[in-house]
N, C-alpha and C. Protein backbone atom coordinates (compact mmCIF):
# COMPACT_ATOMS: atom_id res chain seq x y z
N UNK A 1 121.75 99.52 99.65
CA UNK A 1 120.29 99.43 99.61
C UNK A 1 119.80 98.38 100.57
N UNK A 2 118.81 98.71 101.36
CA UNK A 2 118.21 97.79 102.35
C UNK A 2 116.76 97.50 101.95
N UNK A 3 116.41 96.22 101.99
CA UNK A 3 115.10 95.81 101.56
C UNK A 3 114.26 95.28 102.73
N UNK A 4 113.00 95.69 102.75
CA UNK A 4 112.05 95.19 103.75
C UNK A 4 111.00 94.41 102.98
N UNK A 5 110.87 93.11 103.30
CA UNK A 5 109.89 92.31 102.61
C UNK A 5 109.02 91.54 103.60
N UNK A 6 107.81 91.26 103.16
CA UNK A 6 106.87 90.41 103.92
C UNK A 6 106.95 89.04 103.24
N UNK A 7 107.30 87.99 104.01
CA UNK A 7 107.51 86.68 103.39
C UNK A 7 106.25 86.09 102.80
N UNK A 8 105.08 86.37 103.41
CA UNK A 8 103.84 85.77 102.89
C UNK A 8 102.76 86.83 103.04
N UNK A 9 102.19 87.22 101.94
CA UNK A 9 101.14 88.25 101.95
C UNK A 9 99.80 87.62 102.26
N UNK A 10 99.34 87.75 103.50
CA UNK A 10 98.02 87.23 103.87
C UNK A 10 96.95 88.17 103.28
N UNK A 11 95.69 87.75 103.42
CA UNK A 11 94.60 88.55 102.88
C UNK A 11 94.54 89.93 103.49
N UNK A 12 94.76 90.06 104.78
CA UNK A 12 94.75 91.36 105.42
C UNK A 12 95.85 92.29 104.85
N UNK A 13 97.01 91.70 104.57
CA UNK A 13 98.08 92.51 104.01
C UNK A 13 97.70 93.01 102.63
N UNK A 14 97.15 92.14 101.83
CA UNK A 14 96.77 92.52 100.48
C UNK A 14 95.70 93.61 100.46
N UNK A 15 94.82 93.62 101.47
CA UNK A 15 93.78 94.63 101.57
C UNK A 15 94.28 95.94 102.17
N UNK A 16 95.42 95.91 102.83
CA UNK A 16 95.97 97.09 103.48
C UNK A 16 96.69 98.00 102.50
N UNK A 17 97.10 99.18 102.98
CA UNK A 17 97.88 100.09 102.20
C UNK A 17 99.38 99.86 102.33
N UNK A 18 99.77 98.81 103.03
CA UNK A 18 101.18 98.52 103.24
C UNK A 18 101.79 97.96 101.96
N UNK A 19 103.08 98.24 101.76
CA UNK A 19 103.78 97.78 100.56
C UNK A 19 104.84 96.70 100.91
N UNK A 20 104.96 95.76 100.04
CA UNK A 20 105.94 94.73 100.17
C UNK A 20 107.22 95.10 99.35
N UNK A 21 108.35 94.55 99.71
CA UNK A 21 109.62 94.74 99.00
C UNK A 21 110.03 96.20 98.88
N UNK A 22 109.88 96.93 99.99
CA UNK A 22 110.29 98.34 100.00
C UNK A 22 111.82 98.42 100.15
N UNK A 23 112.38 99.43 99.49
CA UNK A 23 113.81 99.65 99.52
C UNK A 23 114.11 100.95 100.26
N UNK A 24 115.20 100.93 101.03
CA UNK A 24 115.62 102.08 101.83
C UNK A 24 117.12 102.34 101.63
N UNK A 25 117.47 103.57 101.65
CA UNK A 25 118.87 103.95 101.59
C UNK A 25 119.59 103.73 102.93
N UNK A 26 118.84 103.85 104.01
CA UNK A 26 119.41 103.78 105.35
C UNK A 26 118.93 102.51 106.07
N UNK A 27 119.84 101.81 106.76
CA UNK A 27 119.47 100.64 107.55
C UNK A 27 118.54 101.05 108.69
N UNK A 28 118.78 102.20 109.28
CA UNK A 28 117.91 102.67 110.36
C UNK A 28 116.49 102.89 109.88
N UNK A 29 116.33 103.46 108.71
CA UNK A 29 115.01 103.67 108.17
C UNK A 29 114.28 102.37 107.92
N UNK A 30 115.01 101.38 107.42
CA UNK A 30 114.42 100.05 107.16
C UNK A 30 114.01 99.40 108.47
N UNK A 31 114.85 99.51 109.49
CA UNK A 31 114.57 98.93 110.80
C UNK A 31 113.32 99.59 111.41
N UNK A 32 113.26 100.91 111.37
CA UNK A 32 112.11 101.65 111.91
C UNK A 32 110.81 101.22 111.19
N UNK A 33 110.87 101.13 109.90
CA UNK A 33 109.68 100.72 109.15
C UNK A 33 109.30 99.28 109.41
N UNK A 34 110.27 98.39 109.57
CA UNK A 34 109.98 96.99 109.91
C UNK A 34 109.25 96.89 111.25
N UNK A 35 109.74 97.64 112.21
CA UNK A 35 109.08 97.69 113.52
C UNK A 35 107.67 98.24 113.40
N UNK A 36 107.52 99.33 112.66
CA UNK A 36 106.24 99.97 112.50
C UNK A 36 105.22 99.06 111.80
N UNK A 37 105.65 98.43 110.70
CA UNK A 37 104.77 97.57 109.94
C UNK A 37 104.33 96.37 110.77
N UNK A 38 105.26 95.74 111.48
CA UNK A 38 104.89 94.54 112.27
C UNK A 38 103.95 94.92 113.41
N UNK A 39 104.11 96.11 113.99
CA UNK A 39 103.18 96.57 115.01
C UNK A 39 101.79 96.79 114.44
N UNK A 40 101.71 97.44 113.27
CA UNK A 40 100.41 97.65 112.61
C UNK A 40 99.77 96.32 112.30
N UNK A 41 100.54 95.39 111.73
CA UNK A 41 99.99 94.11 111.32
C UNK A 41 99.49 93.31 112.53
N UNK A 42 100.19 93.37 113.64
CA UNK A 42 99.76 92.64 114.83
C UNK A 42 98.57 93.27 115.52
N UNK A 43 98.43 94.60 115.43
CA UNK A 43 97.34 95.26 116.16
C UNK A 43 96.10 95.49 115.33
N UNK A 44 96.24 95.63 114.01
CA UNK A 44 95.08 96.02 113.17
C UNK A 44 94.58 94.89 112.26
N UNK A 45 95.36 93.88 112.06
CA UNK A 45 94.92 92.80 111.18
C UNK A 45 93.99 91.86 111.96
N UNK A 46 93.45 90.87 111.31
CA UNK A 46 92.33 90.01 111.88
C UNK A 46 92.72 89.18 113.07
N UNK A 47 94.00 88.97 113.33
CA UNK A 47 94.39 88.20 114.52
C UNK A 47 94.69 86.73 114.25
N UNK A 48 94.65 86.30 113.03
CA UNK A 48 94.92 84.88 112.72
C UNK A 48 96.42 84.60 112.68
N UNK A 49 97.25 85.67 112.59
CA UNK A 49 98.70 85.47 112.47
C UNK A 49 99.46 86.34 113.49
N UNK A 50 100.68 85.93 113.74
CA UNK A 50 101.64 86.74 114.48
C UNK A 50 102.66 87.20 113.46
N UNK A 51 103.10 88.45 113.59
CA UNK A 51 104.09 89.00 112.68
C UNK A 51 105.30 89.47 113.45
N UNK A 52 106.45 88.97 113.08
CA UNK A 52 107.70 89.36 113.67
C UNK A 52 108.67 89.65 112.54
N UNK A 53 109.68 90.50 112.82
CA UNK A 53 110.64 90.76 111.77
C UNK A 53 112.01 90.27 112.21
N UNK A 54 112.78 89.91 111.22
CA UNK A 54 114.16 89.48 111.45
C UNK A 54 115.06 90.24 110.54
N UNK A 55 116.28 90.43 110.96
CA UNK A 55 117.29 91.12 110.17
C UNK A 55 118.25 90.09 109.62
N UNK A 56 118.55 90.19 108.30
CA UNK A 56 119.47 89.27 107.66
C UNK A 56 120.39 90.12 106.80
N UNK A 57 121.45 90.59 107.38
CA UNK A 57 122.40 91.43 106.63
C UNK A 57 121.78 92.76 106.26
N UNK A 58 121.54 92.95 104.98
CA UNK A 58 120.95 94.20 104.48
C UNK A 58 119.46 94.10 104.28
N UNK A 59 118.87 92.98 104.66
CA UNK A 59 117.44 92.79 104.46
C UNK A 59 116.72 92.61 105.80
N UNK A 60 115.46 93.03 105.81
CA UNK A 60 114.57 92.79 106.92
C UNK A 60 113.38 92.02 106.34
N UNK A 61 112.98 90.96 107.03
CA UNK A 61 111.87 90.14 106.59
C UNK A 61 110.83 90.09 107.69
N UNK A 62 109.60 90.37 107.35
CA UNK A 62 108.49 90.19 108.29
C UNK A 62 107.98 88.79 108.13
N UNK A 63 108.15 88.01 109.19
CA UNK A 63 107.80 86.59 109.22
C UNK A 63 106.32 86.49 109.63
N UNK A 64 105.59 85.64 108.94
CA UNK A 64 104.17 85.42 109.18
C UNK A 64 104.00 84.01 109.78
N UNK A 65 103.35 83.93 110.97
CA UNK A 65 103.15 82.62 111.58
C UNK A 65 101.70 82.54 112.07
N UNK A 66 101.07 81.39 111.83
CA UNK A 66 99.72 81.15 112.30
C UNK A 66 99.71 81.20 113.82
N UNK A 67 98.70 81.87 114.38
CA UNK A 67 98.55 81.85 115.84
C UNK A 67 98.10 80.49 116.26
N UNK A 68 98.54 80.07 117.44
CA UNK A 68 98.14 78.81 118.04
C UNK A 68 96.68 78.94 118.48
N UNK A 69 95.90 77.98 118.19
CA UNK A 69 94.50 78.00 118.63
C UNK A 69 94.43 77.49 120.06
N UNK A 70 93.47 78.04 120.79
CA UNK A 70 93.23 77.60 122.16
C UNK A 70 92.84 76.12 122.16
N UNK A 71 93.48 75.36 123.01
CA UNK A 71 93.20 73.93 123.13
C UNK A 71 92.06 73.72 124.10
N UNK A 72 91.03 73.01 123.70
CA UNK A 72 89.84 72.80 124.53
C UNK A 72 90.03 71.67 125.56
N UNK A 73 91.11 70.92 125.46
CA UNK A 73 91.30 69.79 126.36
C UNK A 73 90.94 68.47 125.69
N UNK A 74 90.22 68.56 124.60
CA UNK A 74 89.81 67.37 123.86
C UNK A 74 90.87 67.08 122.83
N UNK A 75 91.19 65.81 122.69
CA UNK A 75 92.25 65.41 121.70
C UNK A 75 91.71 65.33 120.30
N UNK A 76 90.38 65.38 120.14
CA UNK A 76 89.79 65.32 118.80
C UNK A 76 89.55 63.89 118.32
N UNK A 77 89.78 62.92 119.18
CA UNK A 77 89.62 61.51 118.77
C UNK A 77 88.19 61.02 118.77
N UNK A 78 87.24 61.82 119.26
CA UNK A 78 85.84 61.47 119.23
C UNK A 78 85.36 60.74 120.46
N UNK A 79 86.23 60.47 121.42
CA UNK A 79 85.80 59.73 122.60
C UNK A 79 85.61 60.61 123.84
N UNK A 80 85.70 61.92 123.70
CA UNK A 80 85.56 62.83 124.86
C UNK A 80 84.10 63.19 125.13
N UNK A 81 83.20 62.97 124.19
CA UNK A 81 81.81 63.38 124.38
C UNK A 81 80.92 62.23 124.78
């Protein structure tokens, strides 16, 4: 049995029709679905996160990472203005 899980369910994931902790008989099916889900999440969700998947033996995990914000050049110390 192969498991596909999303490590952190963001708001967009909870609102979507995607399922967490899905089980597959075939490793190929789990891999295809991991690719498909991460593509959907990266293209259709709000854009606050990047989604990548990793394989760990019989499991696939979709990793959720905050996107880096554009740096304005200001350090935020209050002395740039």
